[in-house]
Amino acid sequence: MTKKITQLVKKEFKEYVRERILFLSYILPLSIIFIIGYGLNMDTEHIRTMIIDNDKTPVSMKFSQKFYNTKYFDSKTIDISTNKALNKIKTNQAELLIIIPSNFEKNLLKGTPVHLGVYIDGVYPMLSKTISGYVSAALYSFVASETSMKAKIVYEPRNLFNQSMKTRWAVIPGSIALIMILVPAMFSALMVVKEKERGTIFNFYASSMSKGEFLLGKLIPSFIIHYITVMALLLITILLFELPFRGSFILYALSSALFLLISIGIGLLVSIVTKSQIAAIILTAMVTIIPGVLYSGIMTPIDTMEGMANFTAHIYPMMYYVSIMYDIFLIGDGFSSLVIREYLYILVVFVLVIYFLNYLLLRKKL
């Protein structure tokens, strides 16, 4: 490392401390991971359930018991009319109504089709689909337990990788990627533009420092500071949120380093092409938050996207890092997976392209 780069790195560290950016660079990502980890919960449990048993036979009561003594349903067997029960759903007093018809036991023993009445609050589609799945599972469990009317096909679902369907396991690996694209890029976006506003950029214009040395001097301190955050997020994820770590630590360290370089590079690129800190922050938010949420696979699987959405997801680096994160925490294929190795190569290409653009667009004069 040349003396010029060393002096610039020291200057950047001093500014991080003096302007309290160092403090914010750790508080912000940790706050986000805690808010998401403890605040976002899409687990569907304790569904308020009403059961109207019009048969009142041992078989119908046995079926009703499938909705008791489980964390998924808070059930009550009530004796009211269907209209009154439906009104309870309309007034948000229940999410699920199950009506067992008369002759339930008789028709099952005879092999005659039985039509259950199942009414679900469909205001929230994701919730209603989950409730429908729970009801189907309870029904299959009941049919499988009745040897006198056992179905030819027994439905036995198995959830791979996230067997207990925990929300934290589903969202936190993607949240790490979202934090690492947002926070380093946001702080890096101020690196060059603040020197333009203060006029200190003229020191670079007048000096013998090359564009490559200037970029390295800006990159090194930011990388060191934010890489500590990368490791802190790993510890929080494993120790506090109790996610499994089924992959390779080397893969986590390597992929995170590449993605951090990309994030800082995006911030530097924005800083170079803008003239004010406000414009830099707004532009950084636009190119990180929106694509990071919509086209990364956190909210919607990439395979379900079509046309321009699918194309956008593949030209944005977030998707590749998110896939690696899910492999590290939940799947565990690691370097043995051809796809994971391919995604690492793609991240390397992103690093080279982004810093080539930074070098190309950075001017050594007004």
Protein backbone atom coordinates (compact mmCIF):
# COMPACT_ATOMS: atom_id res chain seq x y z
CA MET A 1 0.00 0.00 0.00
CA THR A 2 1.45 3.36 -1.02
CA LYS A 3 1.90 6.23 1.40
CA LYS A 4 -0.84 8.23 -0.38
CA ILE A 5 -3.41 5.47 0.13
CA THR A 6 -2.35 5.02 3.78
CA GLN A 7 -2.84 8.71 4.51
CA LEU A 8 -6.24 8.74 2.80
CA VAL A 9 -7.34 5.65 4.76
CA LYS A 10 -6.32 7.32 8.05
CA LYS A 11 -8.21 10.46 7.03
CA GLU A 12 -11.36 8.44 6.26
CA PHE A 13 -11.20 6.62 9.61
CA LYS A 14 -10.87 9.93 11.45
CA GLU A 15 -13.91 11.31 9.61
CA TYR A 16 -15.92 8.19 10.43
CA VAL A 17 -15.18 8.76 14.12
CA ARG A 18 -15.48 12.56 14.16
CA GLU A 19 -18.82 12.65 12.32
CA ARG A 20 -20.19 9.67 14.29
CA ILE A 21 -20.65 7.70 11.08
CA LEU A 22 -18.83 4.80 12.73
CA PHE A 23 -21.49 4.67 15.46
CA LEU A 24 -24.37 4.83 12.97
CA SER A 25 -22.81 2.24 10.67
CA TYR A 26 -23.19 -0.34 13.46
CA ILE A 27 -26.43 0.85 15.08
CA LEU A 28 -28.42 0.97 11.82
CA PRO A 29 -27.86 -2.63 10.60
CA LEU A 30 -28.26 -4.08 14.10
CA SER A 31 -31.50 -2.15 14.56
CA ILE A 32 -32.85 -3.45 11.25
CA ILE A 33 -32.05 -7.11 12.03
CA PHE A 34 -33.69 -6.83 15.47
CA ILE A 35 -36.79 -5.11 14.06
CA ILE A 36 -37.20 -7.75 11.36
CA GLY A 37 -36.30 -10.69 13.59
CA TYR A 38 -38.56 -9.76 16.49
CA GLY A 39 -41.18 -7.64 14.73
CA LEU A 40 -41.99 -9.57 11.55
CA ASN A 41 -43.99 -12.69 12.27
CA MET A 42 -46.01 -14.45 9.60
CA ASP A 43 -46.50 -17.65 11.57
CA THR A 44 -50.20 -18.58 11.52
CA GLU A 45 -51.16 -19.90 14.94
CA HIS A 46 -54.11 -19.74 17.35
CA ILE A 47 -56.69 -19.39 14.59
CA ARG A 48 -60.04 -18.51 16.16
CA THR A 49 -62.19 -21.45 15.06
CA MET A 50 -65.90 -22.17 15.46
CA ILE A 51 -67.27 -25.68 14.95
CA ILE A 52 -70.98 -26.39 14.48
CA ASP A 53 -71.62 -30.12 14.94
CA ASN A 54 -75.02 -30.98 13.46
CA ASP A 55 -74.38 -34.73 13.76
CA LYS A 56 -73.27 -35.10 17.39
CA THR A 57 -72.03 -38.67 16.95
CA PRO A 58 -68.78 -40.26 18.18
CA VAL A 59 -67.24 -39.94 14.70
CA SER A 60 -68.18 -36.27 14.33
CA MET A 61 -66.81 -35.54 17.79
CA LYS A 62 -63.60 -37.35 16.93
CA PHE A 63 -63.28 -35.19 13.83
CA SER A 64 -63.87 -32.06 15.93
CA GLN A 65 -61.06 -33.09 18.26
CA LYS A 66 -58.58 -32.67 15.39
CA PHE A 67 -58.99 -28.92 15.91
CA TYR A 68 -58.38 -29.06 19.67
CA ASN A 69 -55.16 -29.40 21.70
CA THR A 70 -53.03 -27.80 18.98
CA LYS A 71 -51.30 -24.44 18.78
CA TYR A 72 -52.77 -23.83 15.33
CA PHE A 73 -56.43 -23.62 16.36
CA ASP A 74 -58.28 -22.01 19.26
CA SER A 75 -61.52 -23.94 18.78
CA LYS A 76 -65.00 -23.73 20.23
CA THR A 77 -67.87 -26.07 19.44
CA ILE A 78 -70.97 -23.90 19.42
CA ASP A 79 -74.66 -24.50 18.85
CA ILE A 80 -75.88 -21.51 16.83
CA SER A 81 -77.25 -20.97 13.35
CA THR A 82 -75.00 -20.72 10.32
CA ASN A 83 -75.95 -17.09 9.71
CA LYS A 84 -75.02 -16.07 13.26
CA ALA A 85 -71.70 -17.92 12.95
CA LEU A 86 -70.93 -16.22 9.63
CA ASN A 87 -71.74 -12.88 11.21
CA LYS A 88 -69.03 -13.56 13.81
CA ILE A 89 -66.51 -13.87 10.96
CA LYS A 90 -67.82 -10.63 9.43
CA THR A 91 -67.33 -8.83 12.74
CA ASN A 92 -63.78 -10.24 13.14
CA GLN A 93 -64.65 -12.52 16.05
CA ALA A 94 -63.34 -15.62 14.26
CA GLU A 95 -61.27 -16.60 11.22
CA LEU A 96 -62.60 -20.11 10.58
CA LEU A 97 -66.02 -21.78 10.67
CA ILE A 98 -66.47 -25.54 10.21
CA ILE A 99 -69.98 -26.97 9.83
CA ILE A 100 -70.33 -30.74 10.27
CA PRO A 101 -73.49 -31.87 8.47
CA SER A 102 -76.08 -34.25 9.90
CA ASN A 103 -75.60 -37.90 8.92
CA PHE A 104 -71.83 -37.27 8.94
CA GLU A 105 -71.02 -40.63 10.57
CA LYS A 106 -73.67 -42.54 8.61
CA ASN A 107 -72.54 -41.27 5.22
CA LEU A 108 -68.85 -41.91 5.95
CA LEU A 109 -69.53 -45.52 6.94
CA LYS A 110 -71.65 -46.02 3.81
CA GLY A 111 -68.96 -44.49 1.59
CA THR A 112 -71.27 -41.67 0.52
CA PRO A 113 -69.55 -38.32 -0.18
CA VAL A 114 -69.72 -35.92 2.75
CA HIS A 115 -69.75 -32.17 2.19
CA LEU A 116 -68.23 -30.19 5.03
CA GLY A 117 -68.96 -26.52 5.34
CA VAL A 118 -65.67 -24.63 5.71
CA TYR A 119 -65.73 -20.82 5.78
CA ILE A 120 -62.48 -18.86 6.01
CA ASP A 121 -61.91 -15.14 6.48
CA GLY A 122 -60.34 -14.25 3.11
CA VAL A 123 -59.42 -10.63 3.76
CA TYR A 124 -55.73 -11.61 3.82
CA PRO A 125 -55.07 -14.12 0.99
CA MET A 126 -51.83 -15.51 2.46
CA LEU A 127 -53.52 -16.13 5.81
CA SER A 128 -56.56 -17.79 4.20
CA LYS A 129 -54.35 -20.11 2.13
CA THR A 130 -52.46 -21.14 5.24
CA ILE A 131 -55.68 -21.81 7.15
CA SER A 132 -56.99 -23.85 4.22
CA GLY A 133 -53.82 -25.95 4.33
CA TYR A 134 -54.23 -26.54 8.07
CA VAL A 135 -57.83 -27.68 7.59
CA SER A 136 -56.78 -30.05 4.79
CA ALA A 137 -54.06 -31.53 6.99
CA ALA A 138 -56.54 -32.06 9.86
CA LEU A 139 -58.98 -33.73 7.46
CA TYR A 140 -56.35 -36.09 6.04
CA SER A 141 -55.20 -36.92 9.56
CA PHE A 142 -58.76 -37.82 10.53
CA VAL A 143 -59.33 -39.99 7.44
CA ALA A 144 -56.01 -41.79 7.95
CA SER A 145 -56.90 -42.57 11.57
CA GLU A 146 -60.22 -44.20 10.68
CA THR A 147 -59.40 -47.73 9.53
CA SER A 148 -63.02 -48.36 8.53
CA MET A 149 -62.83 -45.62 5.91
CA LYS A 150 -59.12 -45.31 5.23
CA ALA A 151 -58.33 -43.55 1.98
CA LYS A 152 -56.23 -45.27 -0.67
CA ILE A 153 -53.85 -42.32 -0.76
CA VAL A 154 -52.48 -40.96 2.49
CA TYR A 155 -51.33 -37.35 2.37
CA GLU A 156 -48.08 -36.97 4.31
CA PRO A 157 -46.38 -33.64 3.53
CA ARG A 158 -42.75 -33.07 4.45
CA ASN A 159 -41.29 -29.57 4.63
CA LEU A 160 -37.63 -29.60 3.69
CA PHE A 161 -35.03 -27.20 5.16
CA ASN A 162 -37.54 -25.28 7.31
CA GLN A 163 -39.49 -28.16 8.82
CA SER A 164 -41.27 -26.11 11.47
CA MET A 165 -42.12 -23.34 8.95
CA LYS A 166 -40.66 -20.61 11.19
CA THR A 167 -40.94 -17.08 9.84
CA ARG A 168 -37.52 -16.10 11.19
CA TRP A 169 -35.84 -18.91 9.31
CA ALA A 170 -37.53 -17.70 6.14
CA VAL A 171 -36.84 -13.96 6.38
CA ILE A 172 -33.59 -13.43 8.30
CA PRO A 173 -31.14 -14.85 5.68
CA GLY A 174 -32.69 -12.51 3.12
CA SER A 175 -32.69 -9.68 5.65
CA ILE A 176 -28.91 -9.99 6.05
CA ALA A 177 -28.59 -9.48 2.30
CA LEU A 178 -30.96 -6.50 2.39
CA ILE A 179 -28.97 -4.87 5.20
CA MET A 180 -25.67 -5.45 3.39
CA ILE A 181 -26.92 -3.88 0.16
CA LEU A 182 -28.53 -0.90 1.89
CA VAL A 183 -26.30 0.26 4.75
CA PRO A 184 -22.80 0.12 3.17
CA ALA A 185 -24.13 1.64 -0.07
CA MET A 186 -25.87 4.42 1.85
CA PHE A 187 -22.75 5.45 3.76
CA SER A 188 -20.48 5.00 0.74
CA ALA A 189 -22.76 7.25 -1.31
CA LEU A 190 -21.58 10.16 0.83
CA MET A 191 -17.84 9.53 0.41
CA VAL A 192 -17.13 11.55 -2.72
CA VAL A 193 -20.15 13.83 -2.87
CA LYS A 194 -19.47 15.32 0.57
CA GLU A 195 -16.00 16.31 -0.66
CA LYS A 196 -17.64 18.01 -3.63
CA GLU A 197 -19.93 20.01 -1.34
CA ARG A 198 -17.11 20.97 1.03
CA GLY A 199 -14.64 21.74 -1.73
CA THR A 200 -12.04 19.29 -0.41
CA ILE A 201 -12.29 17.38 -3.69
CA PHE A 202 -9.88 20.01 -5.09
CA ASN A 203 -7.15 18.42 -2.97
CA PHE A 204 -7.57 15.30 -5.06
CA TYR A 205 -7.69 17.30 -8.30
CA ALA A 206 -4.44 19.11 -7.44
CA SER A 207 -2.56 16.13 -6.01
CA SER A 208 -0.53 13.48 -7.80
CA MET A 209 -2.84 10.75 -6.46
CA SER A 210 -4.25 8.53 -9.20
CA LYS A 211 -7.91 7.61 -9.55
CA GLY A 212 -7.17 4.03 -8.51
CA GLU A 213 -5.41 5.17 -5.32
CA PHE A 214 -8.28 7.51 -4.50
CA LEU A 215 -10.87 4.74 -4.88
CA LEU A 216 -8.80 2.32 -2.79
CA GLY A 217 -8.39 4.91 -0.06
CA LYS A 218 -12.17 5.31 0.08
CA LEU A 219 -12.90 1.59 -0.19
CA ILE A 220 -10.55 0.09 2.43
CA PRO A 221 -11.88 1.78 5.62
CA SER A 222 -15.49 1.29 4.56
CA PHE A 223 -14.87 -2.39 3.84
CA ILE A 224 -13.18 -3.00 7.22
CA ILE A 225 -15.93 -1.24 9.17
CA HIS A 226 -18.83 -2.97 7.44
CA TYR A 227 -17.17 -6.40 7.37
CA ILE A 228 -17.28 -6.33 11.18
CA THR A 229 -21.05 -5.86 10.79
CA VAL A 230 -21.16 -8.94 8.54
CA MET A 231 -19.67 -11.07 11.31
CA ALA A 232 -21.86 -9.48 13.99
CA LEU A 233 -24.98 -10.32 11.96
CA LEU A 234 -23.83 -13.94 11.75
CA LEU A 235 -23.45 -14.20 15.53
CA ILE A 236 -26.83 -12.54 16.18
CA THR A 237 -28.54 -14.81 13.67
CA ILE A 238 -27.17 -18.00 15.23
CA LEU A 239 -27.11 -17.10 18.94
CA LEU A 240 -30.19 -14.89 19.35
CA PHE A 241 -32.52 -16.00 16.56
CA GLU A 242 -31.34 -19.64 16.72
CA LEU A 243 -31.12 -20.21 12.99
CA PRO A 244 -29.24 -23.33 11.92
CA PHE A 245 -25.88 -22.90 10.20
CA ARG A 246 -25.71 -25.82 7.80
CA GLY A 247 -23.25 -24.42 5.30
CA SER A 248 -19.64 -23.32 5.22
CA PHE A 249 -18.19 -20.41 7.18
CA ILE A 250 -15.66 -19.89 4.40
CA LEU A 251 -18.52 -19.56 1.91
CA TYR A 252 -20.23 -17.03 4.19
CA ALA A 253 -17.03 -15.01 4.62
CA LEU A 254 -16.14 -15.07 0.91
CA SER A 255 -19.60 -14.37 -0.51
CA SER A 256 -20.21 -11.61 2.05
CA ALA A 257 -16.88 -9.97 1.17
CA LEU A 258 -17.79 -9.97 -2.53
CA PHE A 259 -21.28 -8.65 -1.88
CA LEU A 260 -19.93 -5.97 0.46
CA LEU A 261 -17.54 -4.83 -2.28
CA ILE A 262 -20.52 -4.61 -4.65
CA SER A 263 -22.57 -2.61 -2.13
CA ILE A 264 -19.75 -0.15 -1.44
CA GLY A 265 -19.11 0.09 -5.17
CA ILE A 266 -22.74 1.01 -5.83
CA GLY A 267 -22.52 3.73 -3.19
CA LEU A 268 -19.28 5.09 -4.65
CA LEU A 269 -20.79 5.10 -8.13
CA VAL A 270 -23.78 7.10 -6.91
CA SER A 271 -21.45 9.45 -5.05
CA ILE A 272 -19.42 10.08 -8.18
CA VAL A 273 -22.38 10.89 -10.45
CA THR A 274 -24.32 13.10 -7.99
CA LYS A 275 -23.55 16.61 -6.73
CA SER A 276 -25.36 16.74 -3.38
CA GLN A 277 -25.64 14.43 -0.39
CA ILE A 278 -29.45 14.50 -0.48
CA ALA A 279 -29.50 13.43 -4.12
CA ALA A 280 -26.99 10.67 -3.33
CA ILE A 281 -29.11 9.30 -0.47
CA ILE A 282 -32.31 9.32 -2.53
CA LEU A 283 -30.68 7.68 -5.55
CA THR A 284 -29.01 5.04 -3.37
CA ALA A 285 -32.34 4.19 -1.73
CA MET A 286 -33.94 3.82 -5.17
CA VAL A 287 -31.29 1.46 -6.53
CA THR A 288 -31.00 -0.66 -3.37
CA ILE A 289 -34.27 -0.88 -1.41
CA ILE A 290 -36.79 -1.30 -4.24
CA PRO A 291 -34.89 -3.91 -6.29
CA GLY A 292 -33.59 -5.49 -3.08
CA VAL A 293 -37.10 -6.23 -1.85
CA LEU A 294 -38.91 -6.95 -5.11
CA TYR A 295 -36.30 -8.74 -7.23
CA SER A 296 -34.15 -10.66 -4.75
CA GLY A 297 -36.33 -13.67 -3.96
CA ILE A 298 -37.03 -12.53 -0.39
CA MET A 299 -40.73 -11.84 -0.94
CA THR A 300 -41.41 -13.74 -4.18
CA PRO A 301 -39.56 -16.77 -5.62
CA ILE A 302 -37.57 -15.82 -8.71
CA ASP A 303 -38.92 -18.81 -10.64
CA THR A 304 -42.45 -17.40 -10.44
CA MET A 305 -41.41 -14.10 -12.04
CA GLU A 306 -41.97 -13.62 -15.74
CA GLY A 307 -40.76 -11.30 -18.46
CA MET A 308 -39.03 -8.11 -17.38
CA ALA A 309 -39.32 -8.95 -13.68
CA ASN A 310 -37.34 -12.16 -14.13
CA PHE A 311 -34.76 -10.36 -16.29
CA THR A 312 -34.36 -7.57 -13.72
CA ALA A 313 -33.83 -10.10 -10.93
CA HIS A 314 -30.99 -11.76 -12.87
CA ILE A 315 -29.13 -8.53 -13.65
CA TYR A 316 -29.24 -7.41 -10.01
CA PRO A 317 -26.60 -8.90 -7.63
CA MET A 318 -28.98 -9.26 -4.69
CA MET A 319 -30.63 -12.42 -6.02
CA TYR A 320 -27.36 -14.35 -6.12
CA TYR A 321 -26.29 -13.39 -2.60
CA VAL A 322 -29.75 -14.16 -1.17
CA SER A 323 -29.60 -17.65 -2.71
CA ILE A 324 -26.18 -18.21 -1.14
CA MET A 325 -27.47 -17.05 2.26
CA TYR A 326 -30.37 -19.51 2.18
CA ASP A 327 -27.96 -22.28 1.25
CA ILE A 328 -25.60 -21.37 4.11
CA PHE A 329 -28.27 -21.28 6.81
CA LEU A 330 -30.91 -23.77 5.66
CA ILE A 331 -29.68 -26.09 2.90
CA GLY A 332 -25.97 -26.66 3.37
CA ASP A 333 -24.80 -27.69 -0.12
CA GLY A 334 -22.00 -25.12 -0.08
CA PHE A 335 -19.16 -25.34 -2.59
CA SER A 336 -20.34 -28.78 -3.70
CA SER A 337 -23.27 -27.10 -5.44
CA LEU A 338 -22.58 -26.08 -9.04
CA VAL A 339 -25.19 -23.32 -8.73
CA ILE A 340 -23.51 -21.80 -5.66
CA ARG A 341 -20.11 -21.80 -7.38
CA GLU A 342 -21.69 -20.20 -10.44
CA TYR A 343 -23.27 -17.50 -8.29
CA LEU A 344 -19.88 -16.73 -6.69
CA TYR A 345 -18.36 -16.24 -10.14
CA ILE A 346 -21.24 -13.92 -11.05
CA LEU A 347 -20.59 -11.84 -7.91
CA VAL A 348 -16.93 -11.54 -8.93
CA VAL A 349 -18.05 -10.24 -12.35
CA PHE A 350 -20.29 -7.68 -10.65
CA VAL A 351 -17.34 -6.47 -8.54
CA LEU A 352 -15.13 -6.03 -11.62
CA VAL A 353 -17.83 -4.25 -13.64
CA ILE A 354 -18.86 -1.87 -10.85
CA TYR A 355 -15.31 -0.78 -10.01
CA PHE A 356 -14.45 -0.41 -13.69
CA LEU A 357 -17.41 1.99 -13.98
CA ASN A 358 -16.23 3.82 -10.85
CA TYR A 359 -12.76 4.24 -12.33
CA LEU A 360 -14.19 5.28 -15.68
CA LEU A 361 -16.60 7.92 -14.33
CA LEU A 362 -14.34 9.40 -11.63
CA ARG A 363 -12.85 12.64 -12.94
CA LYS A 364 -9.44 14.01 -12.00
CA LYS A 365 -10.51 17.50 -12.97
CA LEU A 366 -13.56 19.78 -12.94
